[in-house]
Amino acid sequence: MARFVVGEPPRSGRLGILPAAFNPITKAHLALADAALEQAGIDQVVFVLPESLPHKAFDGATFEQRLAMVEAAAGGRGVVVASGGLVYQIVRELSEICGAELAVLCGRDAAERYVGWDYQGGPSIDRQLKEYSLIVADRIGGYCAPPHLSQRITSVTLPPSIATISSSAVREAISSGQSWEHMTPEPVAAVIRRSNLYRDRVFPD
């Protein structure tokens, strides 16, 4: 069951859900949240950290450290912990406690994964998009939605300065001794420095 760590479940309006591994959370995540609010008619955004990650482990930063970074970056926005790791699982968990219309926020690369994923007996993406809509950031190229799904997928634009920022770029910069603080909010950078994260090697997402 999903639970709000920061904030309360909304009873109405449109709720933007930004699920990610947050290893770590970056300015690109925050820019996507802002773009959804400003460009896509979203009333509120929550950052969702799954307790289990599909085909991933909590390398680089523990679940607790990632949650601390997300809370530090949220700036009063909602923070949710979900039991399931797949998007449709997260949506269904939130549907049980929220009365709002749900939209999932993601970048172009994540949208391609969601639409092309083999859900192995789970609901097809066509069925899923009857339960939520997708808001996709044009990031290093725009996303071209399949025609039969296009009415449930909206694109938003991020500032050009965000294009090269990613969690992997932060980890790689830290591990190689390069500048990285400009890619994360300062409260997140403080958690990274305090916990001495990502210095030993480059970790997968």
C-alpha atoms as a PDB file:
ATOM      1  CA  MET A   1       0.000   0.000   0.000  1.00  0.00           C
ATOM      2  CA  ALA A   2       1.273   3.468  -0.866  1.00  0.00           C
ATOM      3  CA  ARG A   3       1.744   5.861   2.021  1.00  0.00           C
ATOM      4  CA  PHE A   4       2.341   9.598   2.137  1.00  0.00           C
ATOM      5  CA  VAL A   5       5.542  10.396   4.018  1.00  0.00           C
ATOM      6  CA  VAL A   6       5.084  14.114   3.313  1.00  0.00           C
ATOM      7  CA  GLY A   7       1.680  15.627   2.566  1.00  0.00           C
ATOM      8  CA  GLU A   8      -1.827  14.174   2.379  1.00  0.00           C
ATOM      9  CA  PRO A   9      -3.692  12.238  -0.332  1.00  0.00           C
ATOM     10  CA  PRO A  10      -5.670  14.713  -2.479  1.00  0.00           C
ATOM     11  CA  ARG A  11      -9.399  14.145  -2.826  1.00  0.00           C
ATOM     12  CA  SER A  12      -9.873  15.939  -6.137  1.00  0.00           C
ATOM     13  CA  GLY A  13      -8.029  17.639  -9.002  1.00  0.00           C
ATOM     14  CA  ARG A  14      -5.189  16.182 -11.055  1.00  0.00           C
ATOM     15  CA  LEU A  15      -2.272  14.581  -9.252  1.00  0.00           C
ATOM     16  CA  GLY A  16       1.079  14.191 -11.005  1.00  0.00           C
ATOM     17  CA  ILE A  17       3.020  11.116  -9.902  1.00  0.00           C
ATOM     18  CA  LEU A  18       6.784  11.162 -10.429  1.00  0.00           C
ATOM     19  CA  PRO A  19       8.114   7.654  -9.667  1.00  0.00           C
ATOM     20  CA  ALA A  20      11.856   7.052  -9.864  1.00  0.00           C
ATOM     21  CA  ALA A  21      14.775   5.304  -8.223  1.00  0.00           C
ATOM     22  CA  PHE A  22      16.093   8.764  -7.148  1.00  0.00           C
ATOM     23  CA  ASN A  23      19.730   7.653  -7.072  1.00  0.00           C
ATOM     24  CA  PRO A  24      19.927  10.623  -6.423  1.00  0.00           C
ATOM     25  CA  ILE A  25      17.074  13.052  -7.051  1.00  0.00           C
ATOM     26  CA  THR A  26      18.301  15.872  -9.330  1.00  0.00           C
ATOM     27  CA  LYS A  27      17.285  19.265 -10.655  1.00  0.00           C
ATOM     28  CA  ALA A  28      15.902  17.466 -13.717  1.00  0.00           C
ATOM     29  CA  HIS A  29      13.313  15.709 -11.531  1.00  0.00           C
ATOM     30  CA  LEU A  30      12.299  19.054 -10.037  1.00  0.00           C
ATOM     31  CA  ALA A  31      12.130  20.683 -13.469  1.00  0.00           C
ATOM     32  CA  LEU A  32       9.788  17.927 -14.671  1.00  0.00           C
ATOM     33  CA  ALA A  33       7.529  18.508 -11.669  1.00  0.00           C
ATOM     34  CA  ASP A  34       7.482  22.267 -12.385  1.00  0.00           C
ATOM     35  CA  ALA A  35       6.762  21.694 -16.082  1.00  0.00           C
ATOM     36  CA  ALA A  36       3.786  19.452 -15.284  1.00  0.00           C
ATOM     37  CA  LEU A  37       2.343  22.102 -12.994  1.00  0.00           C
ATOM     38  CA  GLU A  38       2.932  24.940 -15.435  1.00  0.00           C
ATOM     39  CA  GLN A  39       2.230  23.287 -18.793  1.00  0.00           C
ATOM     40  CA  ALA A  40      -0.011  20.250 -18.290  1.00  0.00           C
ATOM     41  CA  GLY A  41      -2.780  21.332 -15.937  1.00  0.00           C
ATOM     42  CA  ILE A  42      -1.516  19.357 -12.953  1.00  0.00           C
ATOM     43  CA  ASP A  43      -2.654  20.634  -9.553  1.00  0.00           C
ATOM     44  CA  GLN A  44      -0.143  18.821  -7.358  1.00  0.00           C
ATOM     45  CA  VAL A  45       2.970  16.653  -7.809  1.00  0.00           C
ATOM     46  CA  VAL A  46       4.196  13.871  -5.556  1.00  0.00           C
ATOM     47  CA  PHE A  47       7.566  12.134  -5.731  1.00  0.00           C
ATOM     48  CA  VAL A  48       7.176   8.354  -5.400  1.00  0.00           C
ATOM     49  CA  LEU A  49       9.988   6.091  -4.204  1.00  0.00           C
ATOM     50  CA  PRO A  50       9.197   2.360  -4.577  1.00  0.00           C
ATOM     51  CA  GLU A  51      10.251  -0.007  -1.820  1.00  0.00           C
ATOM     52  CA  SER A  52      11.166  -2.530  -4.525  1.00  0.00           C
ATOM     53  CA  LEU A  53      12.790  -1.675  -7.848  1.00  0.00           C
ATOM     54  CA  PRO A  54      12.080  -3.823 -10.932  1.00  0.00           C
ATOM     55  CA  HIS A  55      15.320  -5.566 -11.961  1.00  0.00           C
ATOM     56  CA  LYS A  56      17.428  -3.256  -9.766  1.00  0.00           C
ATOM     57  CA  ALA A  57      19.002  -3.262  -6.341  1.00  0.00           C
ATOM     58  CA  PHE A  58      19.497  -0.341  -3.977  1.00  0.00           C
ATOM     59  CA  ASP A  59      23.136   0.150  -4.973  1.00  0.00           C
ATOM     60  CA  GLY A  60      24.930   3.432  -4.353  1.00  0.00           C
ATOM     61  CA  ALA A  61      22.442   4.730  -1.807  1.00  0.00           C
ATOM     62  CA  THR A  62      20.161   2.761   0.482  1.00  0.00           C
ATOM     63  CA  PHE A  63      16.381   3.117   0.422  1.00  0.00           C
ATOM     64  CA  GLU A  64      16.599   5.237   3.583  1.00  0.00           C
ATOM     65  CA  GLN A  65      19.254   7.525   2.073  1.00  0.00           C
ATOM     66  CA  ARG A  66      17.236   7.975  -1.120  1.00  0.00           C
ATOM     67  CA  LEU A  67      14.128   8.804   0.876  1.00  0.00           C
ATOM     68  CA  ALA A  68      16.104  11.367   2.872  1.00  0.00           C
ATOM     69  CA  MET A  69      17.296  12.994  -0.371  1.00  0.00           C
ATOM     70  CA  VAL A  70      13.778  13.095  -1.818  1.00  0.00           C
ATOM     71  CA  GLU A  71      12.377  14.649   1.361  1.00  0.00           C
ATOM     72  CA  ALA A  72      15.193  17.211   1.344  1.00  0.00           C
ATOM     73  CA  ALA A  73      14.438  18.175  -2.259  1.00  0.00           C
ATOM     74  CA  ALA A  74      10.643  18.094  -2.140  1.00  0.00           C
ATOM     75  CA  GLY A  75      10.213  21.658  -0.929  1.00  0.00           C
ATOM     76  CA  GLY A  76       6.793  21.002   0.546  1.00  0.00           C
ATOM     77  CA  ARG A  77       5.572  18.775  -2.280  1.00  0.00           C
ATOM     78  CA  GLY A  78       4.248  15.346  -1.441  1.00  0.00           C
ATOM     79  CA  VAL A  79       6.539  12.366  -0.933  1.00  0.00           C
ATOM     80  CA  VAL A  80       5.095   8.862  -1.243  1.00  0.00           C
ATOM     81  CA  VAL A  81       6.529   5.404  -0.594  1.00  0.00           C
ATOM     82  CA  ALA A  82       4.955   2.652  -2.701  1.00  0.00           C
ATOM     83  CA  SER A  83       5.152  -1.113  -2.233  1.00  0.00           C
ATOM     84  CA  GLY A  84       5.163  -1.999  -5.940  1.00  0.00           C
ATOM     85  CA  GLY A  85       7.802  -0.905  -8.397  1.00  0.00           C
ATOM     86  CA  LEU A  86       5.964  -0.984 -11.725  1.00  0.00           C
ATOM     87  CA  VAL A  87       4.034   2.102 -12.783  1.00  0.00           C
ATOM     88  CA  TYR A  88       0.634   0.423 -12.915  1.00  0.00           C
ATOM     89  CA  GLN A  89       1.217  -1.015  -9.425  1.00  0.00           C
ATOM     90  CA  ILE A  90       2.052   2.433  -8.079  1.00  0.00           C
ATOM     91  CA  VAL A  91      -1.005   3.946  -9.767  1.00  0.00           C
ATOM     92  CA  ARG A  92      -3.305   1.324  -8.295  1.00  0.00           C
ATOM     93  CA  GLU A  93      -1.863   1.784  -4.815  1.00  0.00           C
ATOM     94  CA  LEU A  94      -2.406   5.538  -5.036  1.00  0.00           C
ATOM     95  CA  SER A  95      -5.889   5.111  -6.506  1.00  0.00           C
ATOM     96  CA  GLU A  96      -6.903   3.355  -3.281  1.00  0.00           C
ATOM     97  CA  ILE A  97      -6.079   6.392  -1.133  1.00  0.00           C
ATOM     98  CA  CYS A  98      -6.522   9.352  -3.527  1.00  0.00           C
ATOM     99  CA  GLY A  99      -9.603  10.827  -5.132  1.00  0.00           C
ATOM    100  CA  ALA A 100      -7.650  12.768  -7.755  1.00  0.00           C
ATOM    101  CA  GLU A 101      -7.212  11.979 -11.433  1.00  0.00           C
ATOM    102  CA  LEU A 102      -3.730  10.487 -11.809  1.00  0.00           C
ATOM    103  CA  ALA A 103      -1.008  11.316 -14.326  1.00  0.00           C
ATOM    104  CA  VAL A 104       2.458   9.744 -14.390  1.00  0.00           C
ATOM    105  CA  LEU A 105       5.388  12.076 -15.106  1.00  0.00           C
ATOM    106  CA  CYS A 106       8.473  10.767 -16.879  1.00  0.00           C
ATOM    107  CA  GLY A 107      11.194  11.559 -19.384  1.00  0.00           C
ATOM    108  CA  ARG A 108      11.258  10.415 -22.993  1.00  0.00           C
ATOM    109  CA  ASP A 109      13.442   7.385 -22.260  1.00  0.00           C
ATOM    110  CA  ALA A 110      11.167   6.214 -19.447  1.00  0.00           C
ATOM    111  CA  ALA A 111       8.071   6.666 -21.643  1.00  0.00           C
ATOM    112  CA  GLU A 112       9.639   4.429 -24.265  1.00  0.00           C
ATOM    113  CA  ARG A 113      10.226   1.765 -21.589  1.00  0.00           C
ATOM    114  CA  TYR A 114       6.700   2.026 -20.211  1.00  0.00           C
ATOM    115  CA  VAL A 115       5.076   1.710 -23.628  1.00  0.00           C
ATOM    116  CA  GLY A 116       7.394  -1.066 -24.826  1.00  0.00           C
ATOM    117  CA  TRP A 117       7.637  -3.060 -21.567  1.00  0.00           C
ATOM    118  CA  ASP A 118       6.667  -6.730 -21.518  1.00  0.00           C
ATOM    119  CA  TYR A 119       4.263  -6.779 -18.573  1.00  0.00           C
ATOM    120  CA  GLN A 120       4.186 -10.607 -18.558  1.00  0.00           C
ATOM    121  CA  GLY A 121       0.559 -11.178 -17.683  1.00  0.00           C
ATOM    122  CA  GLY A 122      -0.015  -7.727 -16.228  1.00  0.00           C
ATOM    123  CA  PRO A 123      -2.248  -5.138 -17.903  1.00  0.00           C
ATOM    124  CA  SER A 124      -1.146  -3.927 -21.324  1.00  0.00           C
ATOM    125  CA  ILE A 125      -0.134  -0.303 -21.706  1.00  0.00           C
ATOM    126  CA  ASP A 126      -3.418   0.285 -23.555  1.00  0.00           C
ATOM    127  CA  ARG A 127      -5.351  -0.845 -20.481  1.00  0.00           C
ATOM    128  CA  GLN A 128      -3.067   1.041 -18.122  1.00  0.00           C
ATOM    129  CA  LEU A 129      -3.624   4.333 -19.903  1.00  0.00           C
ATOM    130  CA  LYS A 130      -7.312   4.044 -19.137  1.00  0.00           C
ATOM    131  CA  GLU A 131      -6.339   4.332 -15.456  1.00  0.00           C
ATOM    132  CA  TYR A 132      -3.822   7.162 -15.780  1.00  0.00           C
ATOM    133  CA  SER A 133      -2.341   9.510 -18.355  1.00  0.00           C
ATOM    134  CA  LEU A 134       1.331  10.083 -19.176  1.00  0.00           C
ATOM    135  CA  ILE A 135       3.096  13.432 -19.117  1.00  0.00           C
ATOM    136  CA  VAL A 136       6.414  13.120 -20.937  1.00  0.00           C
ATOM    137  CA  ALA A 137       9.303  15.567 -20.884  1.00  0.00           C
ATOM    138  CA  ASP A 138      10.970  16.230 -24.221  1.00  0.00           C
ATOM    139  CA  ARG A 139      14.493  15.378 -23.129  1.00  0.00           C
ATOM    140  CA  ILE A 140      17.348  14.877 -25.600  1.00  0.00           C
ATOM    141  CA  GLY A 141      14.708  14.535 -28.291  1.00  0.00           C
ATOM    142  CA  GLY A 142      10.935  14.510 -28.244  1.00  0.00           C
ATOM    143  CA  TYR A 143       8.743  11.507 -27.631  1.00  0.00           C
ATOM    144  CA  CYS A 144       6.501  10.338 -30.470  1.00  0.00           C
ATOM    145  CA  ALA A 145       3.540   8.523 -28.957  1.00  0.00           C
ATOM    146  CA  PRO A 146       1.895   5.647 -30.829  1.00  0.00           C
ATOM    147  CA  PRO A 147      -1.174   7.118 -32.563  1.00  0.00           C
ATOM    148  CA  HIS A 148      -3.663   4.964 -30.657  1.00  0.00           C
ATOM    149  CA  LEU A 149      -2.240   6.194 -27.317  1.00  0.00           C
ATOM    150  CA  SER A 150      -1.640   9.834 -28.192  1.00  0.00           C
ATOM    151  CA  GLN A 151      -4.801  11.156 -26.524  1.00  0.00           C
ATOM    152  CA  ARG A 152      -3.539   9.909 -23.160  1.00  0.00           C
ATOM    153  CA  ILE A 153       0.014  11.211 -23.532  1.00  0.00           C
ATOM    154  CA  THR A 154       1.014  14.870 -23.173  1.00  0.00           C
ATOM    155  CA  SER A 155       4.440  16.388 -23.796  1.00  0.00           C
ATOM    156  CA  VAL A 156       6.056  19.143 -21.744  1.00  0.00           C
ATOM    157  CA  THR A 157       9.252  21.078 -22.387  1.00  0.00           C
ATOM    158  CA  LEU A 158      12.151  21.383 -19.958  1.00  0.00           C
ATOM    159  CA  PRO A 159      14.751  24.184 -19.890  1.00  0.00           C
ATOM    160  CA  PRO A 160      17.758  23.458 -22.162  1.00  0.00           C
ATOM    161  CA  SER A 161      20.073  23.669 -19.141  1.00  0.00           C
ATOM    162  CA  ILE A 162      18.457  20.501 -17.760  1.00  0.00           C
ATOM    163  CA  ALA A 163      19.152  18.328 -20.810  1.00  0.00           C
ATOM    164  CA  THR A 164      22.441  16.839 -19.596  1.00  0.00           C
ATOM    165  CA  ILE A 165      21.432  16.402 -15.949  1.00  0.00           C
ATOM    166  CA  SER A 166      20.663  12.872 -14.774  1.00  0.00           C
ATOM    167  CA  SER A 167      21.185  10.694 -11.735  1.00  0.00           C
ATOM    168  CA  SER A 168      23.864   8.703 -13.556  1.00  0.00           C
ATOM    169  CA  ALA A 169      25.664  11.927 -14.509  1.00  0.00           C
ATOM    170  CA  VAL A 170      25.764  12.934 -10.838  1.00  0.00           C
ATOM    171  CA  ARG A 171      27.145   9.558  -9.774  1.00  0.00           C
ATOM    172  CA  GLU A 172      29.746   9.496 -12.535  1.00  0.00           C
ATOM    173  CA  ALA A 173      30.905  13.038 -11.718  1.00  0.00           C
ATOM    174  CA  ILE A 174      31.257  12.238  -8.010  1.00  0.00           C
ATOM    175  CA  SER A 175      33.143   9.001  -8.614  1.00  0.00           C
ATOM    176  CA  SER A 176      35.577  10.715 -10.995  1.00  0.00           C
ATOM    177  CA  GLY A 177      36.130  13.781  -8.834  1.00  0.00           C
ATOM    178  CA  GLN A 178      34.412  16.235 -11.179  1.00  0.00           C
ATOM    179  CA  SER A 179      31.996  19.044 -10.350  1.00  0.00           C
ATOM    180  CA  TRP A 180      28.502  17.751  -9.602  1.00  0.00           C
ATOM    181  CA  GLU A 181      26.773  20.054  -7.095  1.00  0.00           C
ATOM    182  CA  HIS A 182      25.145  22.113  -9.881  1.00  0.00           C
ATOM    183  CA  MET A 183      23.029  19.085 -10.844  1.00  0.00           C
ATOM    184  CA  THR A 184      21.331  18.600  -7.467  1.00  0.00           C
ATOM    185  CA  PRO A 185      19.445  20.880  -5.069  1.00  0.00           C
ATOM    186  CA  GLU A 186      21.752  21.995  -2.264  1.00  0.00           C
ATOM    187  CA  PRO A 187      19.848  20.053   0.460  1.00  0.00           C
ATOM    188  CA  VAL A 188      20.417  16.885  -1.582  1.00  0.00           C
ATOM    189  CA  ALA A 189      24.091  17.721  -2.073  1.00  0.00           C
ATOM    190  CA  ALA A 190      24.359  18.077   1.698  1.00  0.00           C
ATOM    191  CA  VAL A 191      22.987  14.544   2.202  1.00  0.00           C
ATOM    192  CA  ILE A 192      25.389  13.171  -0.414  1.00  0.00           C
ATOM    193  CA  ARG A 193      28.388  14.862   1.207  1.00  0.00           C
ATOM    194  CA  ARG A 194      27.345  13.888   4.732  1.00  0.00           C
ATOM    195  CA  SER A 195      26.891  10.232   3.780  1.00  0.00           C
ATOM    196  CA  ASN A 196      29.887  10.190   1.417  1.00  0.00           C
ATOM    197  CA  LEU A 197      27.771   8.651  -1.359  1.00  0.00           C
ATOM    198  CA  TYR A 198      28.829   7.477  -4.830  1.00  0.00           C
ATOM    199  CA  ARG A 199      32.578   7.851  -4.310  1.00  0.00           C
ATOM    200  CA  ASP A 200      33.722   4.232  -4.582  1.00  0.00           C
ATOM    201  CA  ARG A 201      32.484   3.359  -8.085  1.00  0.00           C
ATOM    202  CA  VAL A 202      29.803   4.153 -10.644  1.00  0.00           C
ATOM    203  CA  PHE A 203      26.532   2.519  -9.647  1.00  0.00           C
ATOM    204  CA  PRO A 204      23.671   1.543 -11.968  1.00  0.00           C
ATOM    205  CA  ASP A 205      20.335   3.363 -11.786  1.00  0.00           C
END
